[in-house]
Amino acid sequence: LDLTKYTTLFALIILFIISAFMSRHFTKIGNLL
């Protein structure tokens, strides 16, 4: 039950990592803002 509370956070982290690998422009501050 405790783990299910963080499902959205885990999904966000995984998606962020995948996106960073897919495009080098993704992690630029301007793009994130």
PDB file of all heavy atoms in Angstrom:
ATOM      1  N   LEU A   1       0.828  -1.208   0.000  1.00  0.00           N
ATOM      2  CA  LEU A   1       0.000   0.000   0.000  1.00  0.00           C
ATOM      3  C   LEU A   1       0.861   1.257   0.000  1.00  0.00           C
ATOM      4  O   LEU A   1       0.584   2.220  -0.674  1.00  0.00           O
ATOM      5  CB  LEU A   1      -0.917  -0.018   1.224  1.00  0.00           C
ATOM      6  CG  LEU A   1      -1.992   1.076   1.293  1.00  0.00           C
ATOM      7  CD1 LEU A   1      -2.919   0.961   0.090  1.00  0.00           C
ATOM      8  CD2 LEU A   1      -2.787   0.971   2.584  1.00  0.00           C
ATOM      9  N   ASP A   2       1.949   1.235   0.745  1.00  0.00           N
ATOM     10  CA  ASP A   2       2.859   2.371   0.787  1.00  0.00           C
ATOM     11  C   ASP A   2       3.471   2.639  -0.583  1.00  0.00           C
ATOM     12  O   ASP A   2       3.631   3.778  -0.997  1.00  0.00           O
ATOM     13  CB  ASP A   2       3.967   2.126   1.811  1.00  0.00           C
ATOM     14  CG  ASP A   2       3.455   2.247   3.240  1.00  0.00           C
ATOM     15  OD1 ASP A   2       2.420   2.908   3.446  1.00  0.00           O
ATOM     16  OD2 ASP A   2       4.078   1.663   4.130  1.00  0.00           O
ATOM     17  N   LEU A   3       3.811   1.557  -1.298  1.00  0.00           N
ATOM     18  CA  LEU A   3       4.421   1.718  -2.613  1.00  0.00           C
ATOM     19  C   LEU A   3       3.443   2.330  -3.612  1.00  0.00           C
ATOM     20  O   LEU A   3       3.840   3.111  -4.475  1.00  0.00           O
ATOM     21  CB  LEU A   3       4.917   0.355  -3.130  1.00  0.00           C
ATOM     22  CG  LEU A   3       6.182  -0.196  -2.466  1.00  0.00           C
ATOM     23  CD1 LEU A   3       6.480  -1.594  -2.980  1.00  0.00           C
ATOM     24  CD2 LEU A   3       7.380   0.722  -2.719  1.00  0.00           C
ATOM     25  N   THR A   4       2.164   1.976  -3.495  1.00  0.00           N
ATOM     26  CA  THR A   4       1.188   2.506  -4.451  1.00  0.00           C
ATOM     27  C   THR A   4       1.038   4.019  -4.328  1.00  0.00           C
ATOM     28  O   THR A   4       0.626   4.686  -5.278  1.00  0.00           O
ATOM     29  CB  THR A   4      -0.195   1.841  -4.242  1.00  0.00           C
ATOM     30  OG1 THR A   4      -0.638   2.098  -2.906  1.00  0.00           O
ATOM     31  CG2 THR A   4      -0.123   0.338  -4.457  1.00  0.00           C
ATOM     32  N   LYS A   5       1.372   4.564  -3.172  1.00  0.00           N
ATOM     33  CA  LYS A   5       1.289   6.005  -2.987  1.00  0.00           C
ATOM     34  C   LYS A   5       2.290   6.746  -3.864  1.00  0.00           C
ATOM     35  O   LYS A   5       2.112   7.928  -4.152  1.00  0.00           O
ATOM     36  CB  LYS A   5       1.546   6.369  -1.521  1.00  0.00           C
ATOM     37  CG  LYS A   5       0.466   5.895  -0.548  1.00  0.00           C
ATOM     38  CD  LYS A   5       0.821   6.288   0.865  1.00  0.00           C
ATOM     39  CE  LYS A   5      -0.224   5.806   1.864  1.00  0.00           C
ATOM     40  NZ  LYS A   5       0.132   6.165   3.262  1.00  0.00           N
ATOM     41  N   TYR A   6       3.349   6.061  -4.260  1.00  0.00           N
ATOM     42  CA  TYR A   6       4.419   6.710  -5.016  1.00  0.00           C
ATOM     43  C   TYR A   6       4.438   6.296  -6.484  1.00  0.00           C
ATOM     44  O   TYR A   6       5.400   6.555  -7.190  1.00  0.00           O
ATOM     45  CB  TYR A   6       5.768   6.388  -4.358  1.00  0.00           C
ATOM     46  CG  TYR A   6       5.851   6.829  -2.913  1.00  0.00           C
ATOM     47  CD1 TYR A   6       5.692   5.914  -1.877  1.00  0.00           C
ATOM     48  CD2 TYR A   6       6.053   8.165  -2.588  1.00  0.00           C
ATOM     49  CE1 TYR A   6       5.749   6.322  -0.553  1.00  0.00           C
ATOM     50  CE2 TYR A   6       6.111   8.575  -1.267  1.00  0.00           C
ATOM     51  CZ  TYR A   6       5.956   7.651  -0.253  1.00  0.00           C
ATOM     52  OH  TYR A   6       6.005   8.053   1.056  1.00  0.00           O
ATOM     53  N   THR A   7       3.357   5.639  -6.932  1.00  0.00           N
ATOM     54  CA  THR A   7       3.306   5.172  -8.317  1.00  0.00           C
ATOM     55  C   THR A   7       3.475   6.317  -9.310  1.00  0.00           C
ATOM     56  O   THR A   7       4.229   6.213 -10.287  1.00  0.00           O
ATOM     57  CB  THR A   7       1.964   4.455  -8.586  1.00  0.00           C
ATOM     58  OG1 THR A   7       1.821   3.361  -7.692  1.00  0.00           O
ATOM     59  CG2 THR A   7       1.910   3.943 -10.021  1.00  0.00           C
ATOM     60  N   THR A   8       2.769   7.425  -9.077  1.00  0.00           N
ATOM     61  CA  THR A   8       2.850   8.573  -9.992  1.00  0.00           C
ATOM     62  C   THR A   8       4.254   9.162  -9.998  1.00  0.00           C
ATOM     63  O   THR A   8       4.774   9.533 -11.056  1.00  0.00           O
ATOM     64  CB  THR A   8       1.846   9.661  -9.583  1.00  0.00           C
ATOM     65  OG1 THR A   8       0.540   9.096  -9.481  1.00  0.00           O
ATOM     66  CG2 THR A   8       1.812  10.778 -10.614  1.00  0.00           C
ATOM     67  N   LEU A   9       4.896   9.233  -8.833  1.00  0.00           N
ATOM     68  CA  LEU A   9       6.264   9.748  -8.747  1.00  0.00           C
ATOM     69  C   LEU A   9       7.224   8.861  -9.513  1.00  0.00           C
ATOM     70  O   LEU A   9       8.070   9.356 -10.261  1.00  0.00           O
ATOM     71  CB  LEU A   9       6.687   9.855  -7.280  1.00  0.00           C
ATOM     72  CG  LEU A   9       8.129  10.334  -7.024  1.00  0.00           C
ATOM     73  CD1 LEU A   9       8.348  11.724  -7.605  1.00  0.00           C
ATOM     74  CD2 LEU A   9       8.429  10.323  -5.534  1.00  0.00           C
ATOM     75  N   PHE A  10       7.083   7.539  -9.349  1.00  0.00           N
ATOM     76  CA  PHE A  10       7.941   6.601 -10.077  1.00  0.00           C
ATOM     77  C   PHE A  10       7.750   6.768 -11.583  1.00  0.00           C
ATOM     78  O   PHE A  10       8.720   6.771 -12.352  1.00  0.00           O
ATOM     79  CB  PHE A  10       7.626   5.150  -9.672  1.00  0.00           C
ATOM     80  CG  PHE A  10       7.988   4.821  -8.250  1.00  0.00           C
ATOM     81  CD1 PHE A  10       7.273   3.865  -7.546  1.00  0.00           C
ATOM     82  CD2 PHE A  10       9.035   5.469  -7.608  1.00  0.00           C
ATOM     83  CE1 PHE A  10       7.598   3.559  -6.225  1.00  0.00           C
ATOM     84  CE2 PHE A  10       9.369   5.181  -6.297  1.00  0.00           C
ATOM     85  CZ  PHE A  10       8.646   4.219  -5.601  1.00  0.00           C
ATOM     86  N   ALA A  11       6.480   6.908 -12.001  1.00  0.00           N
ATOM     87  CA  ALA A  11       6.179   7.075 -13.431  1.00  0.00           C
ATOM     88  C   ALA A  11       6.808   8.358 -13.966  1.00  0.00           C
ATOM     89  O   ALA A  11       7.360   8.377 -15.083  1.00  0.00           O
ATOM     90  CB  ALA A  11       4.672   7.101 -13.647  1.00  0.00           C
ATOM     91  N   LEU A  12       6.757   9.428 -13.170  1.00  0.00           N
ATOM     92  CA  LEU A  12       7.333  10.711 -13.582  1.00  0.00           C
ATOM     93  C   LEU A  12       8.849  10.602 -13.731  1.00  0.00           C
ATOM     94  O   LEU A  12       9.424  11.088 -14.717  1.00  0.00           O
ATOM     95  CB  LEU A  12       6.988  11.790 -12.559  1.00  0.00           C
ATOM     96  CG  LEU A  12       7.572  13.186 -12.798  1.00  0.00           C
ATOM     97  CD1 LEU A  12       7.132  13.741 -14.147  1.00  0.00           C
ATOM     98  CD2 LEU A  12       7.156  14.140 -11.672  1.00  0.00           C
ATOM     99  N   ILE A  13       9.504   9.936 -12.787  1.00  0.00           N
ATOM    100  CA  ILE A  13      10.966   9.780 -12.831  1.00  0.00           C
ATOM    101  C   ILE A  13      11.377   8.962 -14.041  1.00  0.00           C
ATOM    102  O   ILE A  13      12.311   9.324 -14.776  1.00  0.00           O
ATOM    103  CB  ILE A  13      11.471   9.122 -11.530  1.00  0.00           C
ATOM    104  CG1 ILE A  13      11.283  10.073 -10.341  1.00  0.00           C
ATOM    105  CG2 ILE A  13      12.958   8.744 -11.670  1.00  0.00           C
ATOM    106  CD1 ILE A  13      11.558   9.437  -8.999  1.00  0.00           C
ATOM    107  N   ILE A  14      10.675   7.853 -14.271  1.00  0.00           N
ATOM    108  CA  ILE A  14      10.993   6.985 -15.413  1.00  0.00           C
ATOM    109  C   ILE A  14      10.796   7.730 -16.724  1.00  0.00           C
ATOM    110  O   ILE A  14      11.632   7.666 -17.634  1.00  0.00           O
ATOM    111  CB  ILE A  14      10.125   5.711 -15.378  1.00  0.00           C
ATOM    112  CG1 ILE A  14      10.529   4.828 -14.182  1.00  0.00           C
ATOM    113  CG2 ILE A  14      10.271   4.916 -16.678  1.00  0.00           C
ATOM    114  CD1 ILE A  14       9.570   3.691 -13.913  1.00  0.00           C
ATOM    115  N   LEU A  15       9.680   8.450 -16.832  1.00  0.00           N
ATOM    116  CA  LEU A  15       9.391   9.210 -18.049  1.00  0.00           C
ATOM    117  C   LEU A  15      10.437  10.295 -18.267  1.00  0.00           C
ATOM    118  O   LEU A  15      10.871  10.539 -19.408  1.00  0.00           O
ATOM    119  CB  LEU A  15       8.001   9.835 -17.952  1.00  0.00           C
ATOM    120  CG  LEU A  15       7.507  10.628 -19.159  1.00  0.00           C
ATOM    121  CD1 LEU A  15       7.438   9.738 -20.390  1.00  0.00           C
ATOM    122  CD2 LEU A  15       6.133  11.238 -18.868  1.00  0.00           C
ATOM    123  N   PHE A  16      10.871  10.930 -17.194  1.00  0.00           N
ATOM    124  CA  PHE A  16      11.900  11.976 -17.285  1.00  0.00           C
ATOM    125  C   PHE A  16      13.206  11.394 -17.820  1.00  0.00           C
ATOM    126  O   PHE A  16      13.847  11.972 -18.708  1.00  0.00           O
ATOM    127  CB  PHE A  16      12.132  12.600 -15.906  1.00  0.00           C
ATOM    128  CG  PHE A  16      13.014  13.817 -15.925  1.00  0.00           C
ATOM    129  CD1 PHE A  16      12.477  15.088 -16.017  1.00  0.00           C
ATOM    130  CD2 PHE A  16      14.409  13.696 -15.864  1.00  0.00           C
ATOM    131  CE1 PHE A  16      13.287  16.212 -16.044  1.00  0.00           C
ATOM    132  CE2 PHE A  16      15.224  14.808 -15.891  1.00  0.00           C
ATOM    133  CZ  PHE A  16      14.670  16.071 -15.977  1.00  0.00           C
ATOM    134  N   ILE A  17      13.601  10.244 -17.306  1.00  0.00           N
ATOM    135  CA  ILE A  17      14.856   9.593 -17.733  1.00  0.00           C
ATOM    136  C   ILE A  17      14.779   9.187 -19.198  1.00  0.00           C
ATOM    137  O   ILE A  17      15.710   9.420 -19.981  1.00  0.00           O
ATOM    138  CB  ILE A  17      15.159   8.364 -16.845  1.00  0.00           C
ATOM    139  CG1 ILE A  17      15.475   8.812 -15.411  1.00  0.00           C
ATOM    140  CG2 ILE A  17      16.337   7.558 -17.419  1.00  0.00           C
ATOM    141  CD1 ILE A  17      15.571   7.676 -14.424  1.00  0.00           C
ATOM    142  N   ILE A  18      13.658   8.575 -19.587  1.00  0.00           N
ATOM    143  CA  ILE A  18      13.479   8.154 -20.985  1.00  0.00           C
ATOM    144  C   ILE A  18      13.528   9.361 -21.914  1.00  0.00           C
ATOM    145  O   ILE A  18      14.191   9.328 -22.968  1.00  0.00           O
ATOM    146  CB  ILE A  18      12.132   7.412 -21.154  1.00  0.00           C
ATOM    147  CG1 ILE A  18      12.173   6.075 -20.411  1.00  0.00           C
ATOM    148  CG2 ILE A  18      11.838   7.173 -22.639  1.00  0.00           C
ATOM    149  CD1 ILE A  18      10.836   5.363 -20.376  1.00  0.00           C
ATOM    150  N   SER A  19      12.853  10.439 -21.521  1.00  0.00           N
ATOM    151  CA  SER A  19      12.819  11.652 -22.341  1.00  0.00           C
ATOM    152  C   SER A  19      14.213  12.270 -22.478  1.00  0.00           C
ATOM    153  O   SER A  19      14.575  12.770 -23.552  1.00  0.00           O
ATOM    154  CB  SER A  19      11.859  12.676 -21.734  1.00  0.00           C
ATOM    155  OG  SER A  19      10.553  12.164 -21.659  1.00  0.00           O
ATOM    156  N   ALA A  20      14.990  12.214 -21.400  1.00  0.00           N
ATOM    157  CA  ALA A  20      16.351  12.756 -21.431  1.00  0.00           C
ATOM    158  C   ALA A  20      17.230  11.986 -22.408  1.00  0.00           C
ATOM    159  O   ALA A  20      18.090  12.572 -23.085  1.00  0.00           O
ATOM    160  CB  ALA A  20      16.958  12.710 -20.035  1.00  0.00           C
ATOM    161  N   PHE A  21      17.005  10.680 -22.505  1.00  0.00           N
ATOM    162  CA  PHE A  21      17.779   9.862 -23.438  1.00  0.00           C
ATOM    163  C   PHE A  21      17.316  10.068 -24.879  1.00  0.00           C
ATOM    164  O   PHE A  21      18.113  10.006 -25.815  1.00  0.00           O
ATOM    165  CB  PHE A  21      17.652   8.372 -23.080  1.00  0.00           C
ATOM    166  CG  PHE A  21      18.646   7.924 -22.045  1.00  0.00           C
ATOM    167  CD1 PHE A  21      18.231   7.646 -20.752  1.00  0.00           C
ATOM    168  CD2 PHE A  21      20.002   7.801 -22.346  1.00  0.00           C
ATOM    169  CE1 PHE A  21      19.135   7.246 -19.778  1.00  0.00           C
ATOM    170  CE2 PHE A  21      20.916   7.397 -21.384  1.00  0.00           C
ATOM    171  CZ  PHE A  21      20.488   7.119 -20.102  1.00  0.00           C
ATOM    172  N   MET A  22      16.033  10.348 -25.047  1.00  0.00           N
ATOM    173  CA  MET A  22      15.475  10.500 -26.397  1.00  0.00           C
ATOM    174  C   MET A  22      15.902  11.817 -27.040  1.00  0.00           C
ATOM    175  O   MET A  22      16.027  11.897 -28.265  1.00  0.00           O
ATOM    176  CB  MET A  22      13.949  10.417 -26.345  1.00  0.00           C
ATOM    177  CG  MET A  22      13.420   9.026 -26.064  1.00  0.00           C
ATOM    178  SD  MET A  22      11.613   8.986 -26.001  1.00  0.00           S
ATOM    179  CE  MET A  22      11.182   9.386 -27.689  1.00  0.00           C
ATOM    180  N   SER A  23      16.100  12.854 -26.224  1.00  0.00           N
ATOM    181  CA  SER A  23      16.487  14.150 -26.779  1.00  0.00           C
ATOM    182  C   SER A  23      17.420  14.882 -25.822  1.00  0.00           C
ATOM    183  O   SER A  23      17.091  15.031 -24.641  1.00  0.00           O
ATOM    184  CB  SER A  23      15.240  14.996 -27.052  1.00  0.00           C
ATOM    185  OG  SER A  23      15.602  16.310 -27.443  1.00  0.00           O
ATOM    186  N   ARG A  24      18.539  15.345 -26.344  1.00  0.00           N
ATOM    187  CA  ARG A  24      19.484  16.078 -25.506  1.00  0.00           C
ATOM    188  C   ARG A  24      18.962  17.477 -25.169  1.00  0.00           C
ATOM    189  O   ARG A  24      19.466  18.135 -24.259  1.00  0.00           O
ATOM    190  CB  ARG A  24      20.839  16.184 -26.204  1.00  0.00           C
ATOM    191  CG  ARG A  24      20.800  16.902 -27.542  1.00  0.00           C
ATOM    192  CD  ARG A  24      22.133  16.798 -28.266  1.00  0.00           C
ATOM    193  NE  ARG A  24      22.101  17.421 -29.572  1.00  0.00           N
ATOM    194  CZ  ARG A  24      22.300  18.703 -29.801  1.00  0.00           C
ATOM    195  NH1 ARG A  24      22.555  19.519 -28.786  1.00  0.00           N
ATOM    196  NH2 ARG A  24      22.258  19.194 -31.022  1.00  0.00           N
ATOM    197  N   HIS A  25      17.950  17.925 -25.885  1.00  0.00           N
ATOM    198  CA  HIS A  25      17.382  19.245 -25.621  1.00  0.00           C
ATOM    199  C   HIS A  25      16.377  19.215 -24.471  1.00  0.00           C
ATOM    200  O   HIS A  25      16.026  20.259 -23.932  1.00  0.00           O
ATOM    201  CB  HIS A  25      16.680  19.783 -26.873  1.00  0.00           C
ATOM    202  CG  HIS A  25      17.604  19.966 -28.037  1.00  0.00           C
ATOM    203  ND1 HIS A  25      18.593  20.926 -28.054  1.00  0.00           N
ATOM    204  CD2 HIS A  25      17.695  19.289 -29.227  1.00  0.00           C
ATOM    205  CE1 HIS A  25      19.253  20.853 -29.207  1.00  0.00           C
ATOM    206  NE2 HIS A  25      18.728  19.867 -29.928  1.00  0.00           N
ATOM    207  N   PHE A  26      15.921  18.013 -24.124  1.00  0.00           N
ATOM    208  CA  PHE A  26      14.849  17.898 -23.131  1.00  0.00           C
ATOM    209  C   PHE A  26      15.234  18.493 -21.777  1.00  0.00           C
ATOM    210  O   PHE A  26      14.448  19.175 -21.137  1.00  0.00           O
ATOM    211  CB  PHE A  26      14.447  16.428 -22.952  1.00  0.00           C
ATOM    212  CG  PHE A  26      13.451  16.216 -21.846  1.00  0.00           C
ATOM    213  CD1 PHE A  26      12.111  16.525 -22.033  1.00  0.00           C
ATOM    214  CD2 PHE A  26      13.862  15.728 -20.611  1.00  0.00           C
ATOM    215  CE1 PHE A  26      11.187  16.349 -21.004  1.00  0.00           C
ATOM    216  CE2 PHE A  26      12.951  15.549 -19.574  1.00  0.00           C
ATOM    217  CZ  PHE A  26      11.613  15.856 -19.774  1.00  0.00           C
ATOM    218  N   THR A  27      16.459  18.232 -21.324  1.00  0.00           N
ATOM    219  CA  THR A  27      16.866  18.643 -19.974  1.00  0.00           C
ATOM    220  C   THR A  27      17.330  20.094 -19.882  1.00  0.00           C
ATOM    221  O   THR A  27      17.735  20.544 -18.802  1.00  0.00           O
ATOM    222  CB  THR A  27      17.991  17.727 -19.455  1.00  0.00           C
ATOM    223  OG1 THR A  27      19.066  17.710 -20.415  1.00  0.00           O
ATOM    224  CG2 THR A  27      17.490  16.303 -19.239  1.00  0.00           C
ATOM    225  N   LYS A  28      17.293  20.821 -20.972  1.00  0.00           N
ATOM    226  CA  LYS A  28      17.669  22.237 -20.908  1.00  0.00           C
ATOM    227  C   LYS A  28      16.657  23.006 -20.060  1.00  0.00           C
ATOM    228  O   LYS A  28      15.452  22.750 -20.129  1.00  0.00           O
ATOM    229  CB  LYS A  28      17.743  22.833 -22.317  1.00  0.00           C
ATOM    230  CG  LYS A  28      18.919  22.297 -23.130  1.00  0.00           C
ATOM    231  CD  LYS A  28      19.009  22.969 -24.480  1.00  0.00           C
ATOM    232  CE  LYS A  28      20.243  22.486 -25.255  1.00  0.00           C
ATOM    233  NZ  LYS A  28      20.343  23.118 -26.588  1.00  0.00           N
ATOM    234  N   ILE A  29      17.160  23.914 -19.243  1.00  0.00           N
ATOM    235  CA  ILE A  29      16.313  24.663 -18.319  1.00  0.00           C
ATOM    236  C   ILE A  29      15.159  25.357 -19.038  1.00  0.00           C
ATOM    237  O   ILE A  29      14.016  25.348 -18.570  1.00  0.00           O
ATOM    238  CB  ILE A  29      17.144  25.714 -17.544  1.00  0.00           C
ATOM    239  CG1 ILE A  29      18.207  25.022 -16.689  1.00  0.00           C
ATOM    240  CG2 ILE A  29      16.234  26.562 -16.653  1.00  0.00           C
ATOM    241  CD1 ILE A  29      17.644  24.092 -15.638  1.00  0.00           C
ATOM    242  N   GLY A  30      15.465  25.943 -20.183  1.00  0.00           N
ATOM    243  CA  GLY A  30      14.429  26.650 -20.944  1.00  0.00           C
ATOM    244  C   GLY A  30      13.288  25.721 -21.337  1.00  0.00           C
ATOM    245  O   GLY A  30      12.114  26.099 -21.254  1.00  0.00           O
ATOM    246  N   ASN A  31      13.627  24.492 -21.754  1.00  0.00           N
ATOM    247  CA  ASN A  31      12.592  23.535 -22.159  1.00  0.00           C
ATOM    248  C   ASN A  31      11.774  23.062 -20.962  1.00  0.00           C
ATOM    249  O   ASN A  31      10.546  22.955 -21.038  1.00  0.00           O
ATOM    250  CB  ASN A  31      13.239  22.321 -22.844  1.00  0.00           C
ATOM    251  CG  ASN A  31      12.206  21.340 -23.360  1.00  0.00           C
ATOM    252  OD1 ASN A  31      11.360  21.681 -24.186  1.00  0.00           O
ATOM    253  ND2 ASN A  31      12.246  20.117 -22.851  1.00  0.00           N
ATOM    254  N   LEU A  32      12.437  22.797 -19.834  1.00  0.00           N
ATOM    255  CA  LEU A  32      11.734  22.345 -18.638  1.00  0.00           C
ATOM    256  C   LEU A  32      10.782  23.423 -18.111  1.00  0.00           C
ATOM    257  O   LEU A  32       9.650  23.130 -17.704  1.00  0.00           O
ATOM    258  CB  LEU A  32      12.737  21.948 -17.548  1.00  0.00           C
ATOM    259  CG  LEU A  32      13.637  20.754 -17.883  1.00  0.00           C
ATOM    260  CD1 LEU A  32      14.630  20.508 -16.749  1.00  0.00           C
ATOM    261  CD2 LEU A  32      12.809  19.493 -18.141  1.00  0.00           C
ATOM    262  N   LEU A  33      11.242  24.678 -18.144  1.00  0.00           N
ATOM    263  CA  LEU A  33      10.373  25.775 -17.714  1.00  0.00           C
ATOM    264  C   LEU A  33       9.201  25.960 -18.677  1.00  0.00           C
ATOM    265  O   LEU A  33       8.090  26.308 -18.264  1.00  0.00           O
ATOM    266  CB  LEU A  33      11.177  27.073 -17.615  1.00  0.00           C
ATOM    267  CG  LEU A  33      12.143  27.176 -16.433  1.00  0.00           C
ATOM    268  CD1 LEU A  33      12.976  28.447 -16.521  1.00  0.00           C
ATOM    269  CD2 LEU A  33      11.387  27.142 -15.106  1.00  0.00           C
TER     270      LEU A  33
END
